[in-house]
């Protein structure tokens, strides 16, 4: 009969854990500093003006007209270089503001009561959190729900 005994040195385990934590902290700090240096501390999806025109309840002409009017009133849209020209890089909030400018009614304008979604199960883990966050993101950022301007 072969017996195997594993000797666990807790002091050594703590040293490895401390080194790992230190390395992770340094790496996180380095990545954060690089992002700040390049001014890339946030990420959000952007849409070109042509892509916005394909969203529900909008047309190319209505988007062009709304953008022109909004810019005349002092609203600023983010623009980024694309080759030799400069194109619009519209955020979700920009698109919601275009819908508002055009007078498209929001969900809360059409309905008096809010609704609540409850996600639950009887086991532990993170699946409820992941499901809830995915559901919330989808309700807020799905292109076909942007005009609803849901408060999530």
Protein backbone atom coordinates (compact mmCIF):
# COMPACT_ATOMS: atom_id res chain seq x y z
CA UNK A 1 0.00 0.00 0.00
CA UNK A 2 1.36 3.40 -1.02
CA UNK A 3 0.59 6.37 1.11
CA UNK A 4 1.31 9.93 0.09
CA UNK A 5 1.55 12.71 2.61
CA UNK A 6 1.63 16.32 1.53
CA UNK A 7 3.36 18.67 3.84
CA UNK A 8 1.78 22.10 3.79
CA UNK A 9 3.92 24.96 4.87
CA UNK A 10 1.47 27.75 5.68
CA UNK A 11 4.26 30.29 5.99
CA UNK A 12 5.26 29.62 2.39
CA UNK A 13 1.65 29.85 1.20
CA UNK A 14 1.27 33.27 2.86
CA UNK A 15 4.51 34.47 1.22
CA UNK A 16 3.27 33.40 -2.22
CA UNK A 17 -0.09 35.08 -1.55
CA UNK A 18 1.60 38.33 -0.49
CA UNK A 19 3.85 38.32 -3.58
CA UNK A 20 0.85 37.65 -5.82
CA UNK A 21 -1.11 40.49 -4.26
CA UNK A 22 1.86 42.85 -4.62
CA UNK A 23 2.36 41.91 -8.30
CA UNK A 24 -1.36 42.32 -9.04
CA UNK A 25 -1.38 45.75 -7.37
CA UNK A 26 1.65 46.89 -9.38
CA UNK A 27 0.19 45.60 -12.63
CA UNK A 28 -3.17 47.28 -11.96
CA UNK A 29 -1.43 50.57 -11.15
CA UNK A 30 0.69 50.37 -14.31
CA UNK A 31 -2.32 49.69 -16.53
CA UNK A 32 -4.27 52.53 -14.91
CA UNK A 33 -1.38 54.97 -15.44
CA UNK A 34 -1.07 53.96 -19.11
CA UNK A 35 -4.80 54.47 -19.65
CA UNK A 36 -4.65 57.90 -18.01
CA UNK A 37 -1.61 58.86 -20.09
CA UNK A 38 -3.44 57.95 -23.30
CA UNK A 39 -6.71 59.47 -22.01
CA UNK A 40 -8.47 56.14 -22.48
CA UNK A 41 -10.05 55.74 -19.05
CA UNK A 42 -13.58 55.05 -20.27
CA UNK A 43 -15.17 52.97 -22.96
CA UNK A 44 -18.59 53.31 -24.47
CA UNK A 45 -20.10 52.29 -27.75
CA UNK A 46 -20.42 55.02 -30.33
CA UNK A 47 -22.53 55.24 -33.46
CA UNK A 48 -21.87 57.02 -36.74
CA UNK A 49 -24.63 59.33 -37.93
CA UNK A 50 -25.51 56.85 -40.71
CA UNK A 51 -25.96 54.07 -38.13
CA UNK A 52 -28.20 56.30 -36.00
CA UNK A 53 -30.43 56.89 -39.02
CA UNK A 54 -31.15 53.14 -39.14
CA UNK A 55 -32.56 53.06 -35.60
CA UNK A 56 -36.32 52.80 -35.01
CA UNK A 57 -38.37 55.97 -35.55
CA UNK A 58 -35.46 57.78 -37.25
CA UNK A 59 -34.50 58.48 -40.85
CA UNK A 60 -31.36 59.94 -42.38
CA UNK A 61 -33.09 63.26 -43.03
CA UNK A 62 -34.57 63.47 -39.53
CA UNK A 63 -31.20 62.74 -37.92
CA UNK A 64 -29.41 65.32 -40.10
CA UNK A 65 -32.08 67.92 -39.29
CA UNK A 66 -32.06 67.16 -35.54
CA UNK A 67 -28.25 67.23 -35.33
CA UNK A 68 -28.09 70.54 -37.20
CA UNK A 69 -30.76 72.11 -34.97
CA UNK A 70 -29.17 70.79 -31.78
CA UNK A 71 -25.72 72.06 -32.76
CA UNK A 72 -27.18 75.48 -33.56
CA UNK A 73 -28.62 75.50 -30.02
CA UNK A 74 -25.18 74.75 -28.56
CA UNK A 75 -25.30 70.97 -28.18
CA UNK A 76 -21.96 69.30 -28.89
CA UNK A 77 -21.52 65.86 -30.37
CA UNK A 78 -18.27 63.94 -30.12
CA UNK A 79 -16.46 63.70 -33.45
CA UNK A 80 -13.49 61.55 -34.33
CA UNK A 81 -11.16 61.37 -37.32
CA UNK A 82 -11.91 58.64 -39.85
CA UNK A 83 -9.28 58.65 -42.55
CA UNK A 84 -9.14 62.11 -44.09
CA UNK A 85 -12.52 63.24 -42.78
CA UNK A 86 -14.11 63.73 -39.38
CA UNK A 87 -17.21 61.72 -38.47
CA UNK A 88 -19.70 61.81 -35.64
CA UNK A 89 -19.17 59.37 -32.78
CA UNK A 90 -22.53 59.48 -31.02
CA UNK A 91 -22.95 58.01 -27.57
CA UNK A 92 -26.11 56.39 -26.27
CA UNK A 93 -26.95 59.65 -24.48
CA UNK A 94 -26.55 61.60 -27.73
CA UNK A 95 -29.02 59.27 -29.43
CA UNK A 96 -31.48 59.54 -26.54
CA UNK A 97 -31.17 63.34 -26.77
CA UNK A 98 -31.92 63.19 -30.51
CA UNK A 99 -35.08 61.19 -29.78
CA UNK A 100 -36.04 63.74 -27.11
CA UNK A 101 -35.35 66.64 -29.49
CA UNK A 102 -37.59 65.01 -32.08
CA UNK A 103 -40.39 64.61 -29.53
CA UNK A 104 -40.46 60.81 -29.47
CA UNK A 105 -42.29 59.87 -26.24
CA UNK A 106 -40.32 57.87 -23.67
CA UNK A 107 -41.63 54.85 -21.80
CA UNK A 108 -42.30 56.96 -18.70
CA UNK A 109 -44.28 59.46 -20.79
CA UNK A 110 -46.61 56.72 -22.04
CA UNK A 111 -46.98 54.69 -18.84
CA UNK A 112 -47.81 55.86 -15.32
CA UNK A 113 -46.34 52.92 -13.41
CA UNK A 114 -42.86 51.45 -13.34
CA UNK A 115 -42.07 47.77 -13.41
CA UNK A 116 -39.64 45.70 -11.40
CA UNK A 117 -37.80 42.61 -12.57
CA UNK A 118 -36.81 40.10 -9.91
CA UNK A 119 -34.14 37.52 -10.69
CA UNK A 120 -33.76 34.70 -8.21
CA UNK A 121 -32.83 31.09 -7.68
CA UNK A 122 -32.01 28.93 -4.68
CA UNK A 123 -28.34 28.31 -5.26
CA UNK A 124 -25.30 30.39 -4.51
CA UNK A 125 -22.86 31.80 -6.98
CA UNK A 126 -22.80 34.76 -9.32
CA UNK A 127 -25.29 33.71 -11.98
CA UNK A 128 -28.02 35.98 -10.60
CA UNK A 129 -25.68 38.96 -10.62
CA UNK A 130 -24.40 38.25 -14.12
CA UNK A 131 -27.95 37.70 -15.39
CA UNK A 132 -29.20 40.90 -13.73
CA UNK A 133 -26.35 43.02 -15.09
CA UNK A 134 -26.74 41.55 -18.59
CA UNK A 135 -30.49 42.17 -18.49
CA UNK A 136 -30.03 45.76 -17.26
CA UNK A 137 -27.40 46.49 -19.92
CA UNK A 138 -29.58 45.03 -22.65
CA UNK A 139 -32.61 47.06 -21.57
CA UNK A 140 -30.59 50.27 -21.45
CA UNK A 141 -28.31 49.88 -24.47
CA UNK A 142 -30.20 47.77 -27.03
CA UNK A 143 -30.60 49.86 -30.20
CA UNK A 144 -34.32 49.11 -30.44
CA UNK A 145 -34.94 50.33 -26.88
CA UNK A 146 -32.91 53.55 -26.91
CA UNK A 147 -35.93 55.74 -27.66
CA UNK A 148 -37.60 54.39 -24.50
CA UNK A 149 -34.84 55.98 -22.35
CA UNK A 150 -35.41 53.43 -19.59
CA UNK A 151 -34.17 54.31 -16.11
CA UNK A 152 -32.18 51.27 -15.04
